[in-house]
N, C-alpha and C. Protein backbone atom coordinates (compact mmCIF):
# COMPACT_ATOMS: atom_id res chain seq x y z
N MET A 1 -10.27 26.88 0.52
CA MET A 1 -10.74 25.87 1.46
C MET A 1 -12.08 26.29 2.04
N GLY A 2 -13.07 25.39 2.00
CA GLY A 2 -14.39 25.70 2.50
C GLY A 2 -14.41 25.78 4.01
N PRO A 3 -15.45 26.37 4.59
CA PRO A 3 -15.52 26.53 6.04
C PRO A 3 -15.60 25.21 6.78
N ASP A 4 -16.11 24.12 6.13
CA ASP A 4 -16.27 22.84 6.80
C ASP A 4 -15.08 21.91 6.58
N MET A 5 -14.11 22.34 5.79
CA MET A 5 -12.98 21.48 5.48
C MET A 5 -11.86 21.70 6.50
N LYS A 6 -11.32 20.60 6.99
CA LYS A 6 -10.22 20.68 7.94
C LYS A 6 -8.93 20.97 7.20
N PRO A 7 -8.03 21.77 7.79
CA PRO A 7 -6.75 22.03 7.14
C PRO A 7 -5.95 20.74 7.03
N TYR A 8 -5.26 20.60 5.91
CA TYR A 8 -4.48 19.38 5.68
C TYR A 8 -3.27 19.33 6.59
N VAL A 9 -3.03 18.19 7.19
CA VAL A 9 -1.86 17.97 8.04
C VAL A 9 -1.01 16.91 7.37
N PRO A 10 0.25 17.20 7.03
CA PRO A 10 1.11 16.18 6.40
C PRO A 10 1.20 14.92 7.25
N THR A 11 1.37 13.79 6.59
CA THR A 11 1.44 12.52 7.30
C THR A 11 2.59 12.51 8.31
N SER A 12 3.71 13.12 7.95
CA SER A 12 4.86 13.15 8.87
C SER A 12 4.50 13.87 10.16
N ALA A 13 3.77 15.00 10.05
CA ALA A 13 3.37 15.74 11.25
C ALA A 13 2.33 14.96 12.05
N HIS A 14 1.45 14.25 11.34
CA HIS A 14 0.43 13.44 12.01
C HIS A 14 1.09 12.33 12.82
N LEU A 15 2.08 11.68 12.23
CA LEU A 15 2.79 10.61 12.93
C LEU A 15 3.61 11.16 14.10
N ALA A 16 4.24 12.32 13.89
CA ALA A 16 5.08 12.90 14.93
C ALA A 16 4.29 13.21 16.19
N GLY A 17 3.02 13.58 16.04
CA GLY A 17 2.20 13.91 17.20
C GLY A 17 1.36 12.75 17.70
N LEU A 18 1.54 11.58 17.07
CA LEU A 18 0.69 10.43 17.40
C LEU A 18 0.85 9.99 18.85
N LEU A 19 2.09 9.87 19.30
CA LEU A 19 2.34 9.30 20.63
C LEU A 19 1.94 10.25 21.76
N GLU A 20 1.72 11.53 21.43
CA GLU A 20 1.25 12.47 22.46
C GLU A 20 -0.15 12.09 22.94
N ARG A 21 -0.88 11.33 22.11
CA ARG A 21 -2.24 10.92 22.48
C ARG A 21 -2.27 9.52 23.10
N ALA A 22 -1.11 8.87 23.16
CA ALA A 22 -1.06 7.52 23.73
C ALA A 22 -1.11 7.57 25.25
N GLU A 23 -1.78 6.60 25.83
CA GLU A 23 -1.89 6.51 27.28
C GLU A 23 -1.26 5.20 27.74
N GLY A 24 -0.34 5.28 28.67
CA GLY A 24 0.32 4.09 29.17
C GLY A 24 1.56 3.73 28.37
N ASP A 25 2.10 2.54 28.63
CA ASP A 25 3.33 2.09 27.98
C ASP A 25 3.07 1.28 26.73
N GLU A 26 1.80 0.93 26.48
CA GLU A 26 1.47 0.12 25.31
C GLU A 26 0.19 0.65 24.66
N VAL A 27 0.10 0.43 23.35
CA VAL A 27 -1.12 0.75 22.62
C VAL A 27 -1.51 -0.47 21.79
N THR A 28 -2.76 -0.57 21.41
CA THR A 28 -3.21 -1.70 20.58
C THR A 28 -3.16 -1.31 19.11
N VAL A 29 -3.13 -2.33 18.26
CA VAL A 29 -3.17 -2.09 16.82
C VAL A 29 -4.47 -1.37 16.45
N GLY A 30 -5.58 -1.73 17.11
CA GLY A 30 -6.85 -1.07 16.85
C GLY A 30 -6.80 0.41 17.16
N TRP A 31 -6.15 0.78 18.27
CA TRP A 31 -6.00 2.19 18.62
C TRP A 31 -5.18 2.91 17.55
N LEU A 32 -4.12 2.27 17.09
CA LEU A 32 -3.25 2.88 16.09
C LEU A 32 -3.99 3.13 14.79
N ILE A 33 -4.76 2.14 14.33
CA ILE A 33 -5.54 2.30 13.09
C ILE A 33 -6.58 3.39 13.27
N GLY A 34 -7.21 3.45 14.45
CA GLY A 34 -8.19 4.49 14.71
C GLY A 34 -7.59 5.88 14.67
N GLN A 35 -6.37 6.03 15.19
CA GLN A 35 -5.70 7.33 15.17
C GLN A 35 -5.32 7.74 13.76
N LEU A 36 -4.94 6.77 12.94
CA LEU A 36 -4.53 7.09 11.57
C LEU A 36 -5.74 7.38 10.68
N GLY A 37 -6.90 6.81 11.02
CA GLY A 37 -8.11 7.07 10.25
C GLY A 37 -7.98 6.64 8.81
N ALA A 38 -8.39 7.51 7.89
CA ALA A 38 -8.37 7.19 6.47
C ALA A 38 -6.96 6.94 5.96
N ARG A 39 -5.96 7.49 6.65
CA ARG A 39 -4.57 7.29 6.20
C ARG A 39 -4.05 5.89 6.49
N SER A 40 -4.79 5.13 7.31
CA SER A 40 -4.31 3.81 7.68
C SER A 40 -4.20 2.89 6.47
N PHE A 41 -5.07 3.08 5.46
CA PHE A 41 -4.94 2.30 4.22
C PHE A 41 -3.60 2.58 3.57
N GLY A 42 -3.29 3.85 3.39
CA GLY A 42 -2.04 4.23 2.73
C GLY A 42 -0.82 3.74 3.48
N LEU A 43 -0.84 3.88 4.81
CA LEU A 43 0.32 3.47 5.60
C LEU A 43 0.47 1.96 5.61
N THR A 44 -0.65 1.23 5.70
CA THR A 44 -0.59 -0.24 5.66
C THR A 44 0.00 -0.72 4.34
N LEU A 45 -0.48 -0.15 3.24
CA LEU A 45 -0.01 -0.56 1.92
C LEU A 45 1.45 -0.16 1.69
N PHE A 46 1.83 1.01 2.21
CA PHE A 46 3.22 1.46 2.06
C PHE A 46 4.18 0.51 2.77
N ILE A 47 3.83 0.12 4.00
CA ILE A 47 4.68 -0.80 4.75
C ILE A 47 4.78 -2.15 4.03
N MET A 48 3.67 -2.63 3.50
CA MET A 48 3.67 -3.89 2.78
C MET A 48 4.55 -3.82 1.53
N ALA A 49 4.47 -2.68 0.81
CA ALA A 49 5.26 -2.52 -0.40
C ALA A 49 6.76 -2.53 -0.08
N VAL A 50 7.14 -1.89 1.01
CA VAL A 50 8.55 -1.88 1.42
C VAL A 50 9.01 -3.30 1.74
N ILE A 51 8.18 -4.05 2.47
CA ILE A 51 8.53 -5.43 2.81
C ILE A 51 8.62 -6.29 1.55
N ALA A 52 7.75 -6.01 0.57
CA ALA A 52 7.74 -6.80 -0.67
C ALA A 52 9.04 -6.65 -1.47
N LEU A 53 9.78 -5.58 -1.24
CA LEU A 53 11.05 -5.39 -1.94
C LEU A 53 12.14 -6.31 -1.40
N VAL A 54 11.93 -6.85 -0.20
CA VAL A 54 12.91 -7.75 0.41
C VAL A 54 12.84 -9.09 -0.32
N PRO A 55 13.98 -9.62 -0.79
CA PRO A 55 13.97 -10.90 -1.51
C PRO A 55 13.33 -12.01 -0.69
N GLY A 56 12.40 -12.73 -1.31
CA GLY A 56 11.72 -13.84 -0.64
C GLY A 56 10.47 -13.46 0.10
N ALA A 57 10.24 -12.16 0.32
CA ALA A 57 9.07 -11.74 1.11
C ALA A 57 7.86 -11.39 0.24
N SER A 58 8.07 -11.24 -1.06
CA SER A 58 6.99 -10.74 -1.92
C SER A 58 5.82 -11.72 -2.00
N THR A 59 6.08 -13.02 -1.93
CA THR A 59 4.99 -13.99 -2.00
C THR A 59 4.04 -13.84 -0.81
N ILE A 60 4.60 -13.69 0.38
CA ILE A 60 3.78 -13.53 1.59
C ILE A 60 2.99 -12.23 1.50
N VAL A 61 3.67 -11.14 1.09
CA VAL A 61 3.00 -9.84 0.99
C VAL A 61 1.90 -9.90 -0.06
N GLY A 62 2.14 -10.62 -1.16
CA GLY A 62 1.13 -10.76 -2.20
C GLY A 62 -0.17 -11.34 -1.68
N VAL A 63 -0.06 -12.27 -0.73
CA VAL A 63 -1.25 -12.86 -0.11
C VAL A 63 -1.88 -11.89 0.90
N LEU A 64 -1.04 -11.27 1.74
CA LEU A 64 -1.55 -10.38 2.78
C LEU A 64 -2.21 -9.13 2.21
N ILE A 65 -1.72 -8.66 1.06
CA ILE A 65 -2.22 -7.39 0.52
C ILE A 65 -3.67 -7.52 0.05
N ALA A 66 -4.12 -8.75 -0.13
CA ALA A 66 -5.51 -8.96 -0.54
C ALA A 66 -6.49 -8.41 0.50
N TRP A 67 -6.08 -8.45 1.78
CA TRP A 67 -6.99 -8.02 2.85
C TRP A 67 -7.37 -6.54 2.72
N PRO A 68 -6.40 -5.59 2.73
CA PRO A 68 -6.79 -4.18 2.56
C PRO A 68 -7.33 -3.89 1.17
N ALA A 69 -6.84 -4.61 0.14
CA ALA A 69 -7.30 -4.35 -1.22
C ALA A 69 -8.78 -4.65 -1.37
N ILE A 70 -9.23 -5.78 -0.84
CA ILE A 70 -10.65 -6.15 -0.91
C ILE A 70 -11.50 -5.17 -0.12
N GLN A 71 -10.99 -4.70 1.02
CA GLN A 71 -11.75 -3.73 1.81
C GLN A 71 -11.88 -2.39 1.09
N MET A 72 -10.82 -1.98 0.37
CA MET A 72 -10.93 -0.78 -0.46
C MET A 72 -11.97 -0.98 -1.55
N LEU A 73 -11.96 -2.16 -2.15
CA LEU A 73 -12.90 -2.49 -3.22
C LEU A 73 -14.34 -2.44 -2.71
N LEU A 74 -14.53 -2.81 -1.44
CA LEU A 74 -15.87 -2.82 -0.84
C LEU A 74 -16.27 -1.46 -0.26
N GLY A 75 -15.35 -0.48 -0.31
CA GLY A 75 -15.69 0.87 0.13
C GLY A 75 -15.43 1.16 1.59
N TYR A 76 -14.61 0.35 2.27
CA TYR A 76 -14.27 0.63 3.66
C TYR A 76 -13.49 1.94 3.75
N ARG A 77 -13.68 2.69 4.84
CA ARG A 77 -12.96 3.95 5.02
C ARG A 77 -11.60 3.73 5.67
N ALA A 78 -11.41 2.58 6.34
CA ALA A 78 -10.14 2.24 6.97
C ALA A 78 -10.07 0.72 7.05
N PRO A 79 -8.87 0.14 7.03
CA PRO A 79 -8.78 -1.32 7.10
C PRO A 79 -9.24 -1.85 8.44
N THR A 80 -9.94 -2.96 8.41
CA THR A 80 -10.41 -3.63 9.62
C THR A 80 -9.78 -5.00 9.70
N LEU A 81 -9.05 -5.26 10.76
CA LEU A 81 -8.36 -6.54 10.93
C LEU A 81 -9.15 -7.43 11.88
N PRO A 82 -8.91 -8.73 11.85
CA PRO A 82 -9.57 -9.61 12.82
C PRO A 82 -9.27 -9.16 14.25
N GLY A 83 -10.20 -9.45 15.16
CA GLY A 83 -10.08 -8.98 16.54
C GLY A 83 -8.77 -9.34 17.21
N VAL A 84 -8.24 -10.53 16.91
CA VAL A 84 -6.99 -10.96 17.54
C VAL A 84 -5.84 -10.03 17.19
N PHE A 85 -5.88 -9.46 15.96
CA PHE A 85 -4.84 -8.52 15.55
C PHE A 85 -5.11 -7.12 16.08
N MET A 86 -6.40 -6.73 16.11
CA MET A 86 -6.75 -5.40 16.61
C MET A 86 -6.40 -5.24 18.09
N ARG A 87 -6.44 -6.35 18.83
CA ARG A 87 -6.14 -6.30 20.27
C ARG A 87 -4.65 -6.47 20.57
N ARG A 88 -3.88 -6.76 19.55
CA ARG A 88 -2.44 -6.96 19.76
C ARG A 88 -1.80 -5.66 20.23
N LYS A 89 -0.94 -5.74 21.24
CA LYS A 89 -0.34 -4.55 21.84
C LYS A 89 1.07 -4.29 21.30
N ILE A 90 1.38 -3.00 21.19
CA ILE A 90 2.70 -2.56 20.74
C ILE A 90 3.27 -1.64 21.81
N ALA A 91 4.51 -1.86 22.18
CA ALA A 91 5.15 -1.01 23.18
C ALA A 91 5.32 0.40 22.61
N VAL A 92 4.96 1.40 23.39
CA VAL A 92 5.06 2.79 22.96
C VAL A 92 6.52 3.14 22.61
N ALA A 93 7.48 2.62 23.38
CA ALA A 93 8.90 2.90 23.11
C ALA A 93 9.31 2.36 21.74
N ARG A 94 8.83 1.18 21.41
CA ARG A 94 9.14 0.58 20.10
C ARG A 94 8.50 1.38 18.98
N LEU A 95 7.25 1.78 19.18
CA LEU A 95 6.55 2.58 18.19
C LEU A 95 7.23 3.93 18.01
N ASP A 96 7.74 4.49 19.09
CA ASP A 96 8.44 5.77 19.03
C ASP A 96 9.68 5.67 18.15
N ARG A 97 10.44 4.57 18.29
CA ARG A 97 11.63 4.38 17.45
C ARG A 97 11.26 4.27 15.98
N ALA A 98 10.17 3.55 15.69
CA ALA A 98 9.74 3.39 14.30
C ALA A 98 9.30 4.73 13.70
N ILE A 99 8.59 5.52 14.50
CA ILE A 99 8.12 6.82 14.01
C ILE A 99 9.29 7.77 13.78
N ARG A 100 10.27 7.76 14.69
CA ARG A 100 11.44 8.61 14.53
C ARG A 100 12.23 8.25 13.26
N PHE A 101 12.20 6.98 12.90
CA PHE A 101 12.86 6.53 11.67
C PHE A 101 12.08 6.97 10.43
N ALA A 102 10.74 6.87 10.50
CA ALA A 102 9.91 7.11 9.33
C ALA A 102 9.70 8.59 9.02
N VAL A 103 9.56 9.43 10.06
CA VAL A 103 9.17 10.82 9.86
C VAL A 103 10.12 11.60 8.95
N PRO A 104 11.45 11.58 9.14
CA PRO A 104 12.33 12.36 8.25
C PRO A 104 12.23 11.92 6.79
N ARG A 105 12.02 10.63 6.57
CA ARG A 105 11.91 10.12 5.20
C ARG A 105 10.60 10.52 4.56
N LEU A 106 9.53 10.54 5.36
CA LEU A 106 8.25 11.01 4.85
C LEU A 106 8.29 12.50 4.52
N ARG A 107 9.01 13.27 5.34
CA ARG A 107 9.12 14.70 5.07
C ARG A 107 9.79 14.96 3.73
N TRP A 108 10.79 14.12 3.40
CA TRP A 108 11.46 14.28 2.10
C TRP A 108 10.48 13.96 0.96
N LEU A 109 9.70 12.88 1.12
CA LEU A 109 8.75 12.50 0.08
C LEU A 109 7.63 13.53 -0.07
N GLU A 110 7.30 14.21 1.02
CA GLU A 110 6.21 15.20 0.97
C GLU A 110 6.57 16.43 0.15
N ARG A 111 7.83 16.55 -0.23
CA ARG A 111 8.19 17.62 -1.17
C ARG A 111 7.62 17.36 -2.56
N LEU A 112 7.40 16.07 -2.87
CA LEU A 112 6.90 15.67 -4.19
C LEU A 112 5.39 15.45 -4.20
N PHE A 113 4.83 15.07 -3.03
CA PHE A 113 3.41 14.76 -2.94
C PHE A 113 2.70 15.80 -2.10
N ARG A 114 1.51 16.22 -2.55
CA ARG A 114 0.71 17.18 -1.78
C ARG A 114 -0.76 17.01 -2.16
N PRO A 115 -1.68 17.50 -1.36
CA PRO A 115 -3.11 17.33 -1.65
C PRO A 115 -3.52 17.98 -2.98
N ARG A 116 -4.02 17.17 -3.89
CA ARG A 116 -4.49 17.66 -5.19
C ARG A 116 -5.60 16.73 -5.68
N TRP A 117 -6.59 17.27 -6.38
CA TRP A 117 -7.67 16.51 -7.00
C TRP A 117 -8.34 15.55 -6.01
N PRO A 118 -8.86 16.03 -4.89
CA PRO A 118 -9.46 15.13 -3.89
C PRO A 118 -10.67 14.36 -4.42
N THR A 119 -11.44 14.96 -5.34
CA THR A 119 -12.62 14.28 -5.90
C THR A 119 -12.21 13.05 -6.68
N TRP A 120 -11.15 13.19 -7.47
CA TRP A 120 -10.62 12.07 -8.24
C TRP A 120 -10.15 10.95 -7.31
N LEU A 121 -9.54 11.33 -6.20
CA LEU A 121 -9.03 10.36 -5.23
C LEU A 121 -10.15 9.50 -4.69
N ARG A 122 -11.28 10.14 -4.34
CA ARG A 122 -12.41 9.40 -3.78
C ARG A 122 -13.14 8.59 -4.86
N ALA A 123 -13.23 9.13 -6.07
CA ALA A 123 -14.00 8.48 -7.12
C ALA A 123 -13.36 7.19 -7.60
N THR A 124 -12.05 7.06 -7.46
CA THR A 124 -11.34 5.90 -7.99
C THR A 124 -10.95 4.89 -6.91
N GLU A 125 -11.50 5.04 -5.71
CA GLU A 125 -11.06 4.19 -4.60
C GLU A 125 -11.31 2.71 -4.86
N ARG A 126 -12.49 2.37 -5.38
CA ARG A 126 -12.81 0.96 -5.64
C ARG A 126 -11.95 0.41 -6.77
N ALA A 127 -11.73 1.21 -7.81
CA ALA A 127 -10.85 0.77 -8.90
C ALA A 127 -9.43 0.56 -8.40
N THR A 128 -9.00 1.43 -7.49
CA THR A 128 -7.67 1.29 -6.90
C THR A 128 -7.57 -0.01 -6.11
N GLY A 129 -8.62 -0.35 -5.37
CA GLY A 129 -8.65 -1.60 -4.62
C GLY A 129 -8.52 -2.81 -5.54
N LEU A 130 -9.21 -2.76 -6.68
CA LEU A 130 -9.14 -3.87 -7.64
C LEU A 130 -7.73 -4.01 -8.22
N LEU A 131 -7.14 -2.89 -8.63
CA LEU A 131 -5.78 -2.93 -9.17
C LEU A 131 -4.78 -3.38 -8.11
N MET A 132 -5.00 -2.95 -6.87
CA MET A 132 -4.12 -3.36 -5.78
C MET A 132 -4.20 -4.87 -5.58
N LEU A 133 -5.39 -5.42 -5.69
CA LEU A 133 -5.58 -6.86 -5.54
C LEU A 133 -4.84 -7.61 -6.66
N LEU A 134 -4.94 -7.11 -7.89
CA LEU A 134 -4.26 -7.74 -9.02
C LEU A 134 -2.73 -7.61 -8.90
N LEU A 135 -2.27 -6.46 -8.41
CA LEU A 135 -0.84 -6.28 -8.20
C LEU A 135 -0.33 -7.25 -7.13
N GLY A 136 -1.15 -7.48 -6.10
CA GLY A 136 -0.78 -8.44 -5.07
C GLY A 136 -0.61 -9.83 -5.65
N VAL A 137 -1.48 -10.19 -6.61
CA VAL A 137 -1.37 -11.49 -7.26
C VAL A 137 -0.06 -11.59 -8.04
N THR A 138 0.32 -10.51 -8.72
CA THR A 138 1.57 -10.54 -9.51
C THR A 138 2.81 -10.61 -8.62
N LEU A 139 2.68 -10.21 -7.36
CA LEU A 139 3.82 -10.34 -6.44
C LEU A 139 4.17 -11.80 -6.18
N ILE A 140 3.21 -12.69 -6.41
CA ILE A 140 3.42 -14.11 -6.18
C ILE A 140 4.11 -14.77 -7.37
N SER A 141 4.29 -14.02 -8.45
CA SER A 141 4.89 -14.55 -9.67
C SER A 141 6.25 -15.19 -9.39
N PRO A 142 6.54 -16.35 -10.00
CA PRO A 142 7.82 -17.04 -9.75
C PRO A 142 9.00 -16.48 -10.55
N PHE A 143 8.73 -15.54 -11.47
CA PHE A 143 9.81 -15.02 -12.31
C PHE A 143 10.78 -14.17 -11.47
N PRO A 144 12.09 -14.31 -11.68
CA PRO A 144 13.08 -13.52 -10.91
C PRO A 144 12.87 -12.02 -11.10
N PHE A 145 12.93 -11.27 -10.02
CA PHE A 145 12.82 -9.81 -10.00
C PHE A 145 11.47 -9.29 -10.49
N SER A 146 10.50 -10.19 -10.70
CA SER A 146 9.19 -9.74 -11.20
C SER A 146 8.41 -8.97 -10.14
N HIS A 147 8.87 -9.05 -8.88
CA HIS A 147 8.15 -8.37 -7.80
C HIS A 147 8.51 -6.89 -7.68
N LEU A 148 9.61 -6.47 -8.32
CA LEU A 148 10.12 -5.12 -8.10
C LEU A 148 9.17 -4.04 -8.63
N ILE A 149 8.68 -4.22 -9.86
CA ILE A 149 7.80 -3.20 -10.45
C ILE A 149 6.47 -3.11 -9.70
N PRO A 150 5.75 -4.23 -9.48
CA PRO A 150 4.48 -4.10 -8.73
C PRO A 150 4.67 -3.55 -7.33
N ALA A 151 5.77 -3.90 -6.65
CA ALA A 151 6.02 -3.37 -5.31
C ALA A 151 6.22 -1.86 -5.36
N ALA A 152 6.95 -1.37 -6.37
CA ALA A 152 7.16 0.07 -6.52
C ALA A 152 5.85 0.79 -6.83
N VAL A 153 5.00 0.16 -7.65
CA VAL A 153 3.71 0.77 -8.00
C VAL A 153 2.80 0.82 -6.77
N ILE A 154 2.79 -0.24 -5.97
CA ILE A 154 1.99 -0.24 -4.74
C ILE A 154 2.47 0.85 -3.80
N MET A 155 3.78 1.06 -3.74
CA MET A 155 4.33 2.12 -2.91
C MET A 155 3.85 3.49 -3.38
N LEU A 156 3.81 3.69 -4.71
CA LEU A 156 3.35 4.95 -5.27
C LEU A 156 1.86 5.16 -4.97
N LEU A 157 1.07 4.11 -5.11
CA LEU A 157 -0.36 4.19 -4.79
C LEU A 157 -0.56 4.54 -3.31
N ALA A 158 0.24 3.92 -2.45
CA ALA A 158 0.12 4.17 -1.02
C ALA A 158 0.46 5.62 -0.69
N LEU A 159 1.52 6.14 -1.29
CA LEU A 159 1.91 7.53 -1.04
C LEU A 159 0.85 8.51 -1.54
N ALA A 160 0.23 8.19 -2.65
CA ALA A 160 -0.83 9.05 -3.17
C ALA A 160 -1.98 9.14 -2.17
N TYR A 161 -2.32 8.01 -1.52
CA TYR A 161 -3.37 8.02 -0.53
C TYR A 161 -2.93 8.68 0.77
N LEU A 162 -1.68 8.46 1.16
CA LEU A 162 -1.18 9.08 2.38
C LEU A 162 -1.23 10.60 2.30
N GLU A 163 -0.84 11.13 1.14
CA GLU A 163 -0.76 12.58 0.98
C GLU A 163 -1.95 13.17 0.23
N GLU A 164 -2.97 12.33 -0.03
CA GLU A 164 -4.20 12.80 -0.68
C GLU A 164 -3.92 13.50 -2.00
N ASP A 165 -3.04 12.87 -2.79
CA ASP A 165 -2.58 13.47 -4.04
C ASP A 165 -3.24 12.75 -5.22
N GLY A 166 -4.28 13.37 -5.80
CA GLY A 166 -5.00 12.77 -6.92
C GLY A 166 -4.17 12.67 -8.18
N ILE A 167 -3.27 13.62 -8.42
CA ILE A 167 -2.41 13.56 -9.60
C ILE A 167 -1.45 12.38 -9.49
N ALA A 168 -0.84 12.22 -8.31
CA ALA A 168 0.05 11.08 -8.10
C ALA A 168 -0.71 9.77 -8.25
N LEU A 169 -1.98 9.76 -7.81
CA LEU A 169 -2.79 8.56 -7.95
C LEU A 169 -3.03 8.23 -9.42
N LEU A 170 -3.30 9.25 -10.23
CA LEU A 170 -3.50 9.02 -11.66
C LEU A 170 -2.26 8.40 -12.29
N VAL A 171 -1.09 8.94 -11.95
CA VAL A 171 0.17 8.39 -12.46
C VAL A 171 0.34 6.95 -11.99
N ALA A 172 0.00 6.70 -10.72
CA ALA A 172 0.15 5.35 -10.15
C ALA A 172 -0.79 4.35 -10.82
N LEU A 173 -2.01 4.78 -11.14
CA LEU A 173 -2.97 3.89 -11.79
C LEU A 173 -2.50 3.51 -13.19
N VAL A 174 -1.95 4.49 -13.91
CA VAL A 174 -1.39 4.19 -15.24
C VAL A 174 -0.21 3.23 -15.11
N ALA A 175 0.64 3.47 -14.10
CA ALA A 175 1.78 2.58 -13.85
C ALA A 175 1.31 1.18 -13.48
N ALA A 176 0.21 1.10 -12.73
CA ALA A 176 -0.33 -0.21 -12.34
C ALA A 176 -0.80 -1.00 -13.56
N LEU A 177 -1.49 -0.31 -14.47
CA LEU A 177 -1.92 -0.97 -15.70
C LEU A 177 -0.72 -1.44 -16.52
N GLY A 178 0.33 -0.60 -16.55
CA GLY A 178 1.54 -0.99 -17.27
C GLY A 178 2.21 -2.20 -16.63
N SER A 179 2.27 -2.22 -15.30
CA SER A 179 2.87 -3.35 -14.59
C SER A 179 2.10 -4.64 -14.84
N LEU A 180 0.77 -4.55 -14.80
CA LEU A 180 -0.06 -5.74 -15.05
C LEU A 180 0.10 -6.22 -16.49
N THR A 181 0.24 -5.29 -17.43
CA THR A 181 0.44 -5.67 -18.83
C THR A 181 1.76 -6.40 -19.00
N ILE A 182 2.82 -5.88 -18.38
CA ILE A 182 4.13 -6.51 -18.48
C ILE A 182 4.08 -7.93 -17.91
N THR A 183 3.42 -8.10 -16.77
CA THR A 183 3.30 -9.44 -16.17
C THR A 183 2.51 -10.38 -17.07
N ALA A 184 1.42 -9.87 -17.66
CA ALA A 184 0.60 -10.70 -18.55
C ALA A 184 1.39 -11.15 -19.77
N VAL A 185 2.16 -10.22 -20.35
CA VAL A 185 2.97 -10.56 -21.53
C VAL A 185 4.04 -11.59 -21.17
N ALA A 186 4.69 -11.40 -20.00
CA ALA A 186 5.72 -12.35 -19.56
C ALA A 186 5.11 -13.73 -19.32
N LEU A 187 3.92 -13.76 -18.72
CA LEU A 187 3.26 -15.04 -18.46
C LEU A 187 2.85 -15.72 -19.75
N TRP A 188 2.33 -14.93 -20.69
CA TRP A 188 1.94 -15.49 -21.99
C TRP A 188 3.17 -16.03 -22.72
N GLY A 189 4.27 -15.31 -22.66
CA GLY A 189 5.51 -15.77 -23.29
C GLY A 189 5.99 -17.07 -22.69
N ALA A 190 5.87 -17.21 -21.36
CA ALA A 190 6.29 -18.44 -20.69
C ALA A 190 5.41 -19.62 -21.12
N ILE A 191 4.09 -19.36 -21.25
CA ILE A 191 3.17 -20.41 -21.69
C ILE A 191 3.48 -20.83 -23.12
N GLU A 192 3.75 -19.85 -23.99
CA GLU A 192 4.09 -20.14 -25.39
C GLU A 192 5.38 -20.95 -25.47
N ALA A 193 6.38 -20.56 -24.66
CA ALA A 193 7.65 -21.27 -24.65
C ALA A 193 7.48 -22.70 -24.16
N ALA A 194 6.63 -22.88 -23.13
CA ALA A 194 6.36 -24.22 -22.62
C ALA A 194 5.68 -25.09 -23.67
N GLY A 195 4.78 -24.48 -24.45
CA GLY A 195 4.11 -25.21 -25.52
C GLY A 195 5.07 -25.64 -26.60
N SER A 196 6.03 -24.76 -26.93
CA SER A 196 7.03 -25.08 -27.95
C SER A 196 7.91 -26.23 -27.50
N ILE A 197 8.28 -26.23 -26.20
CA ILE A 197 9.12 -27.30 -25.66
C ILE A 197 8.37 -28.63 -25.71
N ASP A 198 7.08 -28.61 -25.40
CA ASP A 198 6.28 -29.84 -25.44
C ASP A 198 6.22 -30.43 -26.84
N GLN A 199 6.16 -29.54 -27.85
CA GLN A 199 6.13 -30.02 -29.23
C GLN A 199 7.44 -30.65 -29.64
N LEU A 200 8.55 -30.07 -29.16
CA LEU A 200 9.86 -30.61 -29.52
C LEU A 200 10.17 -31.88 -28.75
N TRP A 201 9.67 -31.99 -27.52
CA TRP A 201 9.97 -33.12 -26.65
C TRP A 201 8.68 -33.58 -25.98
N PRO A 202 7.88 -34.39 -26.69
CA PRO A 202 6.55 -34.75 -26.18
C PRO A 202 6.54 -35.76 -25.06
N PHE A 203 7.68 -36.35 -24.71
CA PHE A 203 7.71 -37.39 -23.69
C PHE A 203 8.10 -36.83 -22.34
């Protein structure tokens, strides 16, 4: 580690100490994003991916995920939300319960993810944003259970960013290409099937 590099702090430890810096009984979404810094992209995408696994929620998440994905594509260092959302307040007690729920699960995941290949992580950020945008589009797909694979891939991409793991990101990018290929093949098959039906029954 170079003299100018800060020691890596796991996301679970970062979250655990987050509320120690809070002042008062409420914090704003803008304050929370500012505290998370570069990790706010990963955490935002991770939460969205979890919600996308809920039946019926993937279409909404597919639309919402375009916001952070486009900002990654444009080179933003952290997601920026409209002012009305940035000023929205969250009760510290409620945030504390959410953090207490998330931290033990993140600690388990951190056994698999760790900081590796940081240069690769930074070099592929715009490409990751583009793939994330395309995965968000596939979440809107009407095919049953078609949301499961892209949601899982988005979760993997988010974890790679949360833990600054370039190797995990490489695996996630390959998985993203595979997920997009599967969706494209399924869509093409549906179009071909629709064409065959039209030929058999033109009225």
